[in-house]
Amino acid sequence: MQDSELTVTTQTLCGQPVLFVKHKKPTQKVCVYVVGGGMLKYPKPSQAKEQLTLAKLTGRDMVLPYYPLVPQHCLADVYAMLYEFYTTLLKTYKAENIAFLGGSSGGNHTLGLISYLKV
């Protein structure tokens, strides 16, 4: 995945791979995209590539965390990973500049994480 306006890297955070799509011209905003898949599978290559388009459309850096999957992990593990990842993002981005996007079960994870953050 390449784009003249973006840098694409993969890092391991919280023990899980995370895809970062960042603007070469720095931005103060980021969007975390939590994919669906019922906690059974990782994002499809097309979903990873979609982050390039979303970054350009939104003007935000995009982040695609590969959260823990079942049966080795449970929902609490997903929330723990996403929460730890969120606290890592706070070192770079202000809370009000961090957006979440989720599809299918990823949307449920996103809503659950927001509730988790409010507790």
C-alpha atoms as a PDB file:
ATOM      1  CA  MET A   1       0.000   0.000   0.000  1.00  0.00           C
ATOM      2  CA  GLN A   2       1.472   3.268  -1.123  1.00  0.00           C
ATOM      3  CA  ASP A   3       0.337   6.832  -1.551  1.00  0.00           C
ATOM      4  CA  SER A   4       2.362   9.969  -2.177  1.00  0.00           C
ATOM      5  CA  GLU A   5       0.515  11.863   0.588  1.00  0.00           C
ATOM      6  CA  LEU A   6       0.546   9.113   3.226  1.00  0.00           C
ATOM      7  CA  THR A   7       2.938   6.916   5.159  1.00  0.00           C
ATOM      8  CA  VAL A   8       1.851   3.358   5.940  1.00  0.00           C
ATOM      9  CA  THR A   9       3.484   1.415   8.781  1.00  0.00           C
ATOM     10  CA  THR A  10       2.672  -1.551  10.980  1.00  0.00           C
ATOM     11  CA  GLN A  11       3.660  -1.658  14.630  1.00  0.00           C
ATOM     12  CA  THR A  12       3.037  -4.034  17.480  1.00  0.00           C
ATOM     13  CA  LEU A  13       1.173  -2.324  20.292  1.00  0.00           C
ATOM     14  CA  CYS A  14      -0.396  -4.040  23.273  1.00  0.00           C
ATOM     15  CA  GLY A  15       0.848  -7.332  21.829  1.00  0.00           C
ATOM     16  CA  GLN A  16      -1.185  -6.923  18.630  1.00  0.00           C
ATOM     17  CA  PRO A  17      -0.376  -5.612  15.144  1.00  0.00           C
ATOM     18  CA  VAL A  18      -1.666  -2.127  14.372  1.00  0.00           C
ATOM     19  CA  LEU A  19      -1.728  -0.524  10.913  1.00  0.00           C
ATOM     20  CA  PHE A  20      -0.996   3.215  10.881  1.00  0.00           C
ATOM     21  CA  VAL A  21      -1.846   5.389   7.889  1.00  0.00           C
ATOM     22  CA  LYS A  22      -0.453   8.851   8.574  1.00  0.00           C
ATOM     23  CA  HIS A  23      -0.450  12.012   6.532  1.00  0.00           C
ATOM     24  CA  LYS A  24       3.019  13.175   5.509  1.00  0.00           C
ATOM     25  CA  LYS A  25       1.808  16.691   6.282  1.00  0.00           C
ATOM     26  CA  PRO A  26       1.129  16.265  10.033  1.00  0.00           C
ATOM     27  CA  THR A  27      -2.410  16.367  11.345  1.00  0.00           C
ATOM     28  CA  GLN A  28      -3.609  16.545  14.924  1.00  0.00           C
ATOM     29  CA  LYS A  29      -6.564  14.221  14.337  1.00  0.00           C
ATOM     30  CA  VAL A  30      -6.855  10.449  14.156  1.00  0.00           C
ATOM     31  CA  CYS A  31      -9.581   7.883  13.553  1.00  0.00           C
ATOM     32  CA  VAL A  32      -9.441   4.357  14.941  1.00  0.00           C
ATOM     33  CA  TYR A  33     -11.220   1.931  12.620  1.00  0.00           C
ATOM     34  CA  VAL A  34     -12.376  -1.216  14.440  1.00  0.00           C
ATOM     35  CA  VAL A  35     -13.379  -3.852  11.900  1.00  0.00           C
ATOM     36  CA  GLY A  36     -16.114  -6.413  12.247  1.00  0.00           C
ATOM     37  CA  GLY A  37     -15.756 -10.123  11.702  1.00  0.00           C
ATOM     38  CA  GLY A  38     -17.305 -11.412  14.881  1.00  0.00           C
ATOM     39  CA  MET A  39     -13.909 -11.558  16.626  1.00  0.00           C
ATOM     40  CA  LEU A  40     -13.151 -14.513  14.338  1.00  0.00           C
ATOM     41  CA  LYS A  41     -10.937 -13.003  11.656  1.00  0.00           C
ATOM     42  CA  TYR A  42      -8.590 -10.145  10.962  1.00  0.00           C
ATOM     43  CA  PRO A  43      -9.341  -7.377   8.487  1.00  0.00           C
ATOM     44  CA  LYS A  44      -9.416  -8.248   4.818  1.00  0.00           C
ATOM     45  CA  PRO A  45      -6.708  -6.670   2.653  1.00  0.00           C
ATOM     46  CA  SER A  46      -9.409  -4.476   1.074  1.00  0.00           C
ATOM     47  CA  GLN A  47     -10.330  -3.118   4.534  1.00  0.00           C
ATOM     48  CA  ALA A  48      -6.701  -2.269   5.224  1.00  0.00           C
ATOM     49  CA  LYS A  49      -6.378  -0.555   1.840  1.00  0.00           C
ATOM     50  CA  GLU A  50      -9.604   1.379   2.522  1.00  0.00           C
ATOM     51  CA  GLN A  51      -7.726   3.238   5.276  1.00  0.00           C
ATOM     52  CA  LEU A  52      -5.858   5.172   2.578  1.00  0.00           C
ATOM     53  CA  THR A  53      -9.139   6.452   1.127  1.00  0.00           C
ATOM     54  CA  LEU A  54     -10.585   7.250   4.555  1.00  0.00           C
ATOM     55  CA  ALA A  55      -7.444   9.161   5.569  1.00  0.00           C
ATOM     56  CA  LYS A  56      -7.722  11.354   2.485  1.00  0.00           C
ATOM     57  CA  LEU A  57     -11.487  11.872   2.836  1.00  0.00           C
ATOM     58  CA  THR A  58     -11.383  12.745   6.540  1.00  0.00           C
ATOM     59  CA  GLY A  59      -8.035  14.533   6.762  1.00  0.00           C
ATOM     60  CA  ARG A  60      -7.289  12.312   9.763  1.00  0.00           C
ATOM     61  CA  ASP A  61      -4.586   9.771  10.345  1.00  0.00           C
ATOM     62  CA  MET A  62      -6.183   6.318  10.309  1.00  0.00           C
ATOM     63  CA  VAL A  63      -5.364   3.454  12.628  1.00  0.00           C
ATOM     64  CA  LEU A  64      -6.492  -0.147  12.178  1.00  0.00           C
ATOM     65  CA  PRO A  65      -5.896  -2.266  15.300  1.00  0.00           C
ATOM     66  CA  TYR A  66      -5.889  -6.033  14.898  1.00  0.00           C
ATOM     67  CA  TYR A  67      -7.604  -6.873  18.169  1.00  0.00           C
ATOM     68  CA  PRO A  68      -7.391 -10.318  19.876  1.00  0.00           C
ATOM     69  CA  LEU A  69      -9.530 -13.052  18.324  1.00  0.00           C
ATOM     70  CA  VAL A  70     -11.580 -15.931  19.737  1.00  0.00           C
ATOM     71  CA  PRO A  71     -11.337 -18.718  20.792  1.00  0.00           C
ATOM     72  CA  GLN A  72      -7.990 -17.813  22.397  1.00  0.00           C
ATOM     73  CA  HIS A  73      -9.407 -14.526  23.708  1.00  0.00           C
ATOM     74  CA  CYS A  74     -12.691 -13.132  25.001  1.00  0.00           C
ATOM     75  CA  LEU A  75     -14.505  -9.814  24.722  1.00  0.00           C
ATOM     76  CA  ALA A  76     -12.823  -8.507  27.879  1.00  0.00           C
ATOM     77  CA  ASP A  77      -9.443  -9.043  26.168  1.00  0.00           C
ATOM     78  CA  VAL A  78     -10.596  -6.952  23.202  1.00  0.00           C
ATOM     79  CA  TYR A  79     -11.674  -4.081  25.449  1.00  0.00           C
ATOM     80  CA  ALA A  80      -8.463  -4.288  27.467  1.00  0.00           C
ATOM     81  CA  MET A  81      -6.375  -4.115  24.276  1.00  0.00           C
ATOM     82  CA  LEU A  82      -8.397  -1.268  22.769  1.00  0.00           C
ATOM     83  CA  TYR A  83      -8.309   0.668  26.053  1.00  0.00           C
ATOM     84  CA  GLU A  84      -4.537   0.278  26.367  1.00  0.00           C
ATOM     85  CA  PHE A  85      -4.183   1.276  22.721  1.00  0.00           C
ATOM     86  CA  TYR A  86      -6.377   4.351  23.309  1.00  0.00           C
ATOM     87  CA  THR A  87      -4.159   5.448  26.220  1.00  0.00           C
ATOM     88  CA  THR A  88      -1.164   5.078  23.878  1.00  0.00           C
ATOM     89  CA  LEU A  89      -2.859   7.340  21.311  1.00  0.00           C
ATOM     90  CA  LEU A  90      -3.376   9.983  24.017  1.00  0.00           C
ATOM     91  CA  LYS A  91       0.400  10.483  24.039  1.00  0.00           C
ATOM     92  CA  THR A  92       0.188  11.791  20.459  1.00  0.00           C
ATOM     93  CA  TYR A  93      -3.372  13.077  20.002  1.00  0.00           C
ATOM     94  CA  LYS A  94      -5.733  15.042  22.255  1.00  0.00           C
ATOM     95  CA  ALA A  95      -8.801  13.086  23.383  1.00  0.00           C
ATOM     96  CA  GLU A  96     -11.139  15.414  21.488  1.00  0.00           C
ATOM     97  CA  ASN A  97      -9.201  14.668  18.281  1.00  0.00           C
ATOM     98  CA  ILE A  98      -9.570  10.891  18.500  1.00  0.00           C
ATOM     99  CA  ALA A  99     -12.553   9.478  16.613  1.00  0.00           C
ATOM    100  CA  PHE A 100     -13.743   5.875  16.444  1.00  0.00           C
ATOM    101  CA  LEU A 101     -15.321   4.090  13.519  1.00  0.00           C
ATOM    102  CA  GLY A 102     -16.507   0.509  13.521  1.00  0.00           C
ATOM    103  CA  GLY A 103     -18.300  -1.824  11.204  1.00  0.00           C
ATOM    104  CA  SER A 104     -20.566  -4.684  12.281  1.00  0.00           C
ATOM    105  CA  SER A 105     -19.143  -6.269  15.442  1.00  0.00           C
ATOM    106  CA  GLY A 106     -16.404  -3.627  15.326  1.00  0.00           C
ATOM    107  CA  GLY A 107     -19.132  -1.020  15.748  1.00  0.00           C
ATOM    108  CA  ASN A 108     -20.289  -2.880  18.843  1.00  0.00           C
ATOM    109  CA  HIS A 109     -16.719  -2.981  20.143  1.00  0.00           C
ATOM    110  CA  THR A 110     -16.454   0.760  19.561  1.00  0.00           C
ATOM    111  CA  LEU A 111     -19.665   1.485  21.463  1.00  0.00           C
ATOM    112  CA  GLY A 112     -18.555  -0.839  24.246  1.00  0.00           C
ATOM    113  CA  LEU A 113     -15.163   0.858  24.454  1.00  0.00           C
ATOM    114  CA  ILE A 114     -16.788   4.284  24.732  1.00  0.00           C
ATOM    115  CA  SER A 115     -18.933   2.962  27.589  1.00  0.00           C
ATOM    116  CA  TYR A 116     -15.791   1.427  29.124  1.00  0.00           C
ATOM    117  CA  LEU A 117     -14.041   4.819  28.925  1.00  0.00           C
ATOM    118  CA  LYS A 118     -16.955   6.520  30.695  1.00  0.00           C
ATOM    119  CA  VAL A 119     -16.802   4.179  33.721  1.00  0.00           C
END
